[in-house]
């Protein structure tokens, strides 16, 4: 006799009922006319099974030597010196590992290494069809994170014509080592393909978002750690600890230098012609 296995997602009918409840709430509250009445939860890491709903990637998949792990961490008990990430949060995910730029000896086709990342897995279907996020009514993507200060990217994948397209934005944090909520305008993501910004830049297919994740491609050898508690869509600027113009959207080169302490002209992305992408308004 085998013990019942833990399912990564709710069953088909459970997921379908959740979608039905969401559609009913939108209809009853007339959100299609008045706009959404609150935030839209996309993924949270309040329980251990939440990390199994994500896929971890690194250059090790092609023979490289970087390592990456995604673990669930129980929040410490509250104390006067250490507050929980947010009220009543039982835990969070810790994305950590070590970046190596060493090239695989038996892969002459691999010219570059030194990356790691994770994303939410494709969500199983419901009675209404594919499970995709419709974030069109919202202005911001919100993430609750604690960063080590390295140059992470937020990656959004949609059900687009080109499956390898990613919409990316730098994760600008103002308080490395501390928990903070960062807001990023959906309209400020840059469309990329295999790490390069592509032209023409087309608008994100906001009604059909498949997955959201984080990546580290700064190619600086050494350990890294990024902790994530929640990912959601919102229209409420007050959810961020500071002025939205300072910590969300595409910031100016001067603001980037202030936040990251680096060359303000270096945006972290390049076009296929080698031109730098600067995060300017």
Foldseek 3Di string as FASTA:
>chain_A
DDDDDDDLDDDQAVVQVVVVVVVVVCVVVVCVPVNDPWWFFDAFQQDFSRCVQKDKDFCVVVPDDWDKDKGKDAFDDDDPVDHTLDPPRGTWIKIKTWFDFDDHPVCPVDDTGTKIKMKGAFDDAYPVGGDFAQQVRFFKKKWWKAFQLAWKKKWWAFPDPDRQKIFIDTQFDQDHRGIWMFIATQQQTFIDGPQAGDPPTDRDPRGGIGMMMMMHDPNDTTMTMMITGGIITGHDQVRGPDGNQLGYYQHQLVSSCVRRVDRSQARSHHHPVGHHDHRYD
